[in-house]
């Protein structure tokens, strides 16, 4: 008998809480609708205003352009004596294998070209060649000094 009585109390309490929540949500939705109507009239009366969405989309597009146009040159320590230089963000129209061949001849080091889903084409060179790579890109006109981001200096 006690268990049934307690369950009925819980069920009644639950129903009361559910009714209160429903009534509060109805009041909030009616308030939101009235605010939208008022703001809609305000926007229509202003005429020729700017949308915030326009500015947000422009800044997002600019950030994407910045990220794609930057050439990132990184240094990665493998062991205590060995390290590699990683170059990513080169434009797709460049022949990465030819650039790598020029690097290998000029600096007497080995390297490889790898493809990554998110980061695109990546050049890996043996040794710390960050400054040499930056100088090469600027001299050859591949990227300006402001378009190159050197990590680790």
C-alpha atoms as a PDB file:
ATOM      1  CA  UNK A   1       0.000   0.000   0.000  1.00  0.00           C
ATOM      2  CA  UNK A   2       2.798   2.415   0.845  1.00  0.00           C
ATOM      3  CA  UNK A   3       4.583   1.798  -2.435  1.00  0.00           C
ATOM      4  CA  UNK A   4       1.454   2.515  -4.454  1.00  0.00           C
ATOM      5  CA  UNK A   5       0.755   5.625  -2.443  1.00  0.00           C
ATOM      6  CA  UNK A   6       4.338   6.879  -2.955  1.00  0.00           C
ATOM      7  CA  UNK A   7       4.215   6.139  -6.710  1.00  0.00           C
ATOM      8  CA  UNK A   8       0.953   8.069  -7.047  1.00  0.00           C
ATOM      9  CA  UNK A   9       2.529  11.045  -5.312  1.00  0.00           C
ATOM     10  CA  UNK A  10       5.469  10.947  -7.702  1.00  0.00           C
ATOM     11  CA  UNK A  11       3.184  10.666 -10.719  1.00  0.00           C
ATOM     12  CA  UNK A  12       1.038  13.580  -9.529  1.00  0.00           C
ATOM     13  CA  UNK A  13       4.136  15.662  -8.829  1.00  0.00           C
ATOM     14  CA  UNK A  14       5.535  14.843 -12.253  1.00  0.00           C
ATOM     15  CA  UNK A  15       2.278  15.838 -13.969  1.00  0.00           C
ATOM     16  CA  UNK A  16       2.204  19.160 -12.102  1.00  0.00           C
ATOM     17  CA  UNK A  17       5.802  19.929 -13.052  1.00  0.00           C
ATOM     18  CA  UNK A  18       5.137  19.021 -16.685  1.00  0.00           C
ATOM     19  CA  UNK A  19       2.118  21.379 -16.771  1.00  0.00           C
ATOM     20  CA  UNK A  20       4.193  24.207 -15.292  1.00  0.00           C
ATOM     21  CA  UNK A  21       6.981  23.673 -17.841  1.00  0.00           C
ATOM     22  CA  UNK A  22       4.488  23.649 -20.724  1.00  0.00           C
ATOM     23  CA  UNK A  23       2.840  26.869 -19.554  1.00  0.00           C
ATOM     24  CA  UNK A  24       6.239  28.580 -19.105  1.00  0.00           C
ATOM     25  CA  UNK A  25       7.404  27.519 -22.570  1.00  0.00           C
ATOM     26  CA  UNK A  26       4.160  28.827 -24.104  1.00  0.00           C
ATOM     27  CA  UNK A  27       4.674  32.184 -22.357  1.00  0.00           C
ATOM     28  CA  UNK A  28       8.301  32.375 -23.537  1.00  0.00           C
ATOM     29  CA  UNK A  29       7.373  31.508 -27.119  1.00  0.00           C
ATOM     30  CA  UNK A  30       4.666  34.186 -27.158  1.00  0.00           C
ATOM     31  CA  UNK A  31       7.185  36.723 -25.765  1.00  0.00           C
ATOM     32  CA  UNK A  32       9.751  35.731 -28.415  1.00  0.00           C
ATOM     33  CA  UNK A  33       7.160  36.064 -31.181  1.00  0.00           C
ATOM     34  CA  UNK A  34       6.153  39.536 -30.001  1.00  0.00           C
ATOM     35  CA  UNK A  35       9.823  40.600 -29.830  1.00  0.00           C
ATOM     36  CA  UNK A  36      10.409  39.274 -33.352  1.00  0.00           C
ATOM     37  CA  UNK A  37       7.417  41.213 -34.616  1.00  0.00           C
ATOM     38  CA  UNK A  38       8.655  44.411 -32.967  1.00  0.00           C
ATOM     39  CA  UNK A  39      12.202  43.921 -34.235  1.00  0.00           C
ATOM     40  CA  UNK A  40      10.931  43.047 -37.692  1.00  0.00           C
ATOM     41  CA  UNK A  41       8.998  46.314 -37.799  1.00  0.00           C
ATOM     42  CA  UNK A  42      12.076  48.153 -36.547  1.00  0.00           C
ATOM     43  CA  UNK A  43      14.283  46.620 -39.263  1.00  0.00           C
ATOM     44  CA  UNK A  44      11.719  47.379 -41.973  1.00  0.00           C
ATOM     45  CA  UNK A  45      11.493  51.009 -40.840  1.00  0.00           C
ATOM     46  CA  UNK A  46      15.265  51.480 -40.786  1.00  0.00           C
ATOM     47  CA  UNK A  47      15.807  50.429 -44.394  1.00  0.00           C
ATOM     48  CA  UNK A  48      19.244  49.989 -45.950  1.00  0.00           C
ATOM     49  CA  UNK A  49      20.947  48.670 -42.825  1.00  0.00           C
ATOM     50  CA  UNK A  50      23.783  46.171 -42.715  1.00  0.00           C
ATOM     51  CA  UNK A  51      23.370  42.588 -41.631  1.00  0.00           C
ATOM     52  CA  UNK A  52      25.824  41.224 -39.097  1.00  0.00           C
ATOM     53  CA  UNK A  53      25.888  37.987 -41.098  1.00  0.00           C
ATOM     54  CA  UNK A  54      27.604  39.804 -43.979  1.00  0.00           C
ATOM     55  CA  UNK A  55      30.503  40.831 -41.766  1.00  0.00           C
ATOM     56  CA  UNK A  56      30.834  37.406 -40.144  1.00  0.00           C
ATOM     57  CA  UNK A  57      30.958  35.598 -43.483  1.00  0.00           C
ATOM     58  CA  UNK A  58      33.586  38.023 -44.799  1.00  0.00           C
ATOM     59  CA  UNK A  59      35.840  37.499 -41.809  1.00  0.00           C
ATOM     60  CA  UNK A  60      35.489  33.723 -42.104  1.00  0.00           C
ATOM     61  CA  UNK A  61      36.384  33.895 -45.797  1.00  0.00           C
ATOM     62  CA  UNK A  62      39.390  36.094 -45.046  1.00  0.00           C
ATOM     63  CA  UNK A  63      40.581  33.643 -42.386  1.00  0.00           C
ATOM     64  CA  UNK A  64      40.286  30.751 -44.825  1.00  0.00           C
ATOM     65  CA  UNK A  65      42.215  32.727 -47.453  1.00  0.00           C
ATOM     66  CA  UNK A  66      44.932  33.552 -44.919  1.00  0.00           C
ATOM     67  CA  UNK A  67      45.309  29.934 -43.907  1.00  0.00           C
ATOM     68  CA  UNK A  68      45.481  28.680 -47.474  1.00  0.00           C
ATOM     69  CA  UNK A  69      47.902  31.312 -48.773  1.00  0.00           C
ATOM     70  CA  UNK A  70      50.421  30.948 -45.957  1.00  0.00           C
ATOM     71  CA  UNK A  71      53.373  28.642 -46.485  1.00  0.00           C
ATOM     72  CA  UNK A  72      54.201  26.976 -43.176  1.00  0.00           C
ATOM     73  CA  UNK A  73      57.803  25.941 -42.513  1.00  0.00           C
ATOM     74  CA  UNK A  74      58.260  23.768 -39.436  1.00  0.00           C
ATOM     75  CA  UNK A  75      61.072  22.003 -37.648  1.00  0.00           C
ATOM     76  CA  UNK A  76      60.600  18.584 -36.088  1.00  0.00           C
ATOM     77  CA  UNK A  77      63.154  16.875 -33.862  1.00  0.00           C
ATOM     78  CA  UNK A  78      63.335  13.138 -34.552  1.00  0.00           C
ATOM     79  CA  UNK A  79      66.071  11.942 -32.217  1.00  0.00           C
ATOM     80  CA  UNK A  80      68.793  13.759 -30.302  1.00  0.00           C
ATOM     81  CA  UNK A  81      70.856  14.359 -33.459  1.00  0.00           C
ATOM     82  CA  UNK A  82      68.354  14.006 -36.313  1.00  0.00           C
ATOM     83  CA  UNK A  83      65.708  16.500 -37.398  1.00  0.00           C
ATOM     84  CA  UNK A  84      63.525  17.283 -40.394  1.00  0.00           C
ATOM     85  CA  UNK A  85      62.109  20.443 -41.956  1.00  0.00           C
ATOM     86  CA  UNK A  86      58.452  20.315 -43.000  1.00  0.00           C
ATOM     87  CA  UNK A  87      57.058  22.675 -45.657  1.00  0.00           C
ATOM     88  CA  UNK A  88      53.299  22.811 -46.226  1.00  0.00           C
ATOM     89  CA  UNK A  89      50.792  25.173 -47.777  1.00  0.00           C
ATOM     90  CA  UNK A  90      52.426  25.524 -51.186  1.00  0.00           C
ATOM     91  CA  UNK A  91      50.027  26.389 -54.027  1.00  0.00           C
ATOM     92  CA  UNK A  92      48.683  23.403 -55.953  1.00  0.00           C
ATOM     93  CA  UNK A  93      49.811  24.732 -59.325  1.00  0.00           C
ATOM     94  CA  UNK A  94      53.500  24.314 -58.384  1.00  0.00           C
ATOM     95  CA  UNK A  95      55.375  21.102 -59.141  1.00  0.00           C
ATOM     96  CA  UNK A  96      56.434  19.914 -55.695  1.00  0.00           C
ATOM     97  CA  UNK A  97      58.813  17.284 -57.059  1.00  0.00           C
ATOM     98  CA  UNK A  98      60.794  19.895 -59.007  1.00  0.00           C
ATOM     99  CA  UNK A  99      61.020  22.138 -55.941  1.00  0.00           C
ATOM    100  CA  UNK A 100      62.194  19.184 -53.866  1.00  0.00           C
ATOM    101  CA  UNK A 101      64.789  18.290 -56.503  1.00  0.00           C
ATOM    102  CA  UNK A 102      66.126  21.863 -56.388  1.00  0.00           C
ATOM    103  CA  UNK A 103      66.302  21.721 -52.582  1.00  0.00           C
ATOM    104  CA  UNK A 104      68.167  18.422 -52.651  1.00  0.00           C
ATOM    105  CA  UNK A 105      70.738  19.649 -55.175  1.00  0.00           C
ATOM    106  CA  UNK A 106      71.274  23.026 -53.561  1.00  0.00           C
ATOM    107  CA  UNK A 107      71.609  21.881 -49.950  1.00  0.00           C
ATOM    108  CA  UNK A 108      72.890  18.277 -50.360  1.00  0.00           C
ATOM    109  CA  UNK A 109      70.090  16.739 -48.315  1.00  0.00           C
ATOM    110  CA  UNK A 110      67.441  14.107 -48.901  1.00  0.00           C
ATOM    111  CA  UNK A 111      63.704  14.707 -48.849  1.00  0.00           C
ATOM    112  CA  UNK A 112      60.293  13.420 -49.800  1.00  0.00           C
ATOM    113  CA  UNK A 113      56.891  14.656 -50.974  1.00  0.00           C
ATOM    114  CA  UNK A 114      53.819  13.350 -49.141  1.00  0.00           C
ATOM    115  CA  UNK A 115      50.127  13.972 -49.688  1.00  0.00           C
ATOM    116  CA  UNK A 116      47.778  14.555 -46.753  1.00  0.00           C
ATOM    117  CA  UNK A 117      43.976  14.806 -46.830  1.00  0.00           C
ATOM    118  CA  UNK A 118      43.714  18.014 -44.802  1.00  0.00           C
ATOM    119  CA  UNK A 119      47.100  19.666 -45.217  1.00  0.00           C
ATOM    120  CA  UNK A 120      47.649  18.925 -48.900  1.00  0.00           C
ATOM    121  CA  UNK A 121      51.158  18.489 -50.288  1.00  0.00           C
ATOM    122  CA  UNK A 122      53.928  18.327 -47.692  1.00  0.00           C
ATOM    123  CA  UNK A 123      57.670  18.522 -48.365  1.00  0.00           C
ATOM    124  CA  UNK A 124      59.981  16.877 -45.837  1.00  0.00           C
ATOM    125  CA  UNK A 125      63.701  17.673 -45.849  1.00  0.00           C
ATOM    126  CA  UNK A 126      66.511  16.242 -43.771  1.00  0.00           C
ATOM    127  CA  UNK A 127      68.096  18.739 -41.417  1.00  0.00           C
ATOM    128  CA  UNK A 128      67.109  22.194 -40.218  1.00  0.00           C
ATOM    129  CA  UNK A 129      66.552  24.080 -43.494  1.00  0.00           C
ATOM    130  CA  UNK A 130      63.902  26.582 -42.392  1.00  0.00           C
ATOM    131  CA  UNK A 131      65.838  29.740 -43.211  1.00  0.00           C
ATOM    132  CA  UNK A 132      67.166  28.289 -46.451  1.00  0.00           C
ATOM    133  CA  UNK A 133      63.664  27.324 -47.551  1.00  0.00           C
ATOM    134  CA  UNK A 134      62.301  30.782 -46.734  1.00  0.00           C
ATOM    135  CA  UNK A 135      65.116  32.436 -48.667  1.00  0.00           C
ATOM    136  CA  UNK A 136      64.537  30.105 -51.645  1.00  0.00           C
ATOM    137  CA  UNK A 137      60.777  30.841 -51.778  1.00  0.00           C
ATOM    138  CA  UNK A 138      61.351  34.607 -51.644  1.00  0.00           C
ATOM    139  CA  UNK A 139      64.138  34.594 -54.275  1.00  0.00           C
ATOM    140  CA  UNK A 140      62.172  32.387 -56.686  1.00  0.00           C
ATOM    141  CA  UNK A 141      58.992  34.445 -56.235  1.00  0.00           C
ATOM    142  CA  UNK A 142      56.963  31.475 -55.016  1.00  0.00           C
ATOM    143  CA  UNK A 143      55.859  33.311 -51.867  1.00  0.00           C
ATOM    144  CA  UNK A 144      56.513  36.714 -50.359  1.00  0.00           C
ATOM    145  CA  UNK A 145      58.150  37.150 -46.999  1.00  0.00           C
ATOM    146  CA  UNK A 146      54.798  38.083 -45.451  1.00  0.00           C
ATOM    147  CA  UNK A 147      53.187  34.892 -46.861  1.00  0.00           C
ATOM    148  CA  UNK A 148      55.668  32.594 -45.116  1.00  0.00           C
ATOM    149  CA  UNK A 149      55.124  31.523 -41.513  1.00  0.00           C
ATOM    150  CA  UNK A 150      58.197  30.064 -39.854  1.00  0.00           C
ATOM    151  CA  UNK A 151      57.490  28.016 -36.743  1.00  0.00           C
ATOM    152  CA  UNK A 152      60.050  27.524 -34.007  1.00  0.00           C
ATOM    153  CA  UNK A 153      62.060  30.752 -34.319  1.00  0.00           C
END
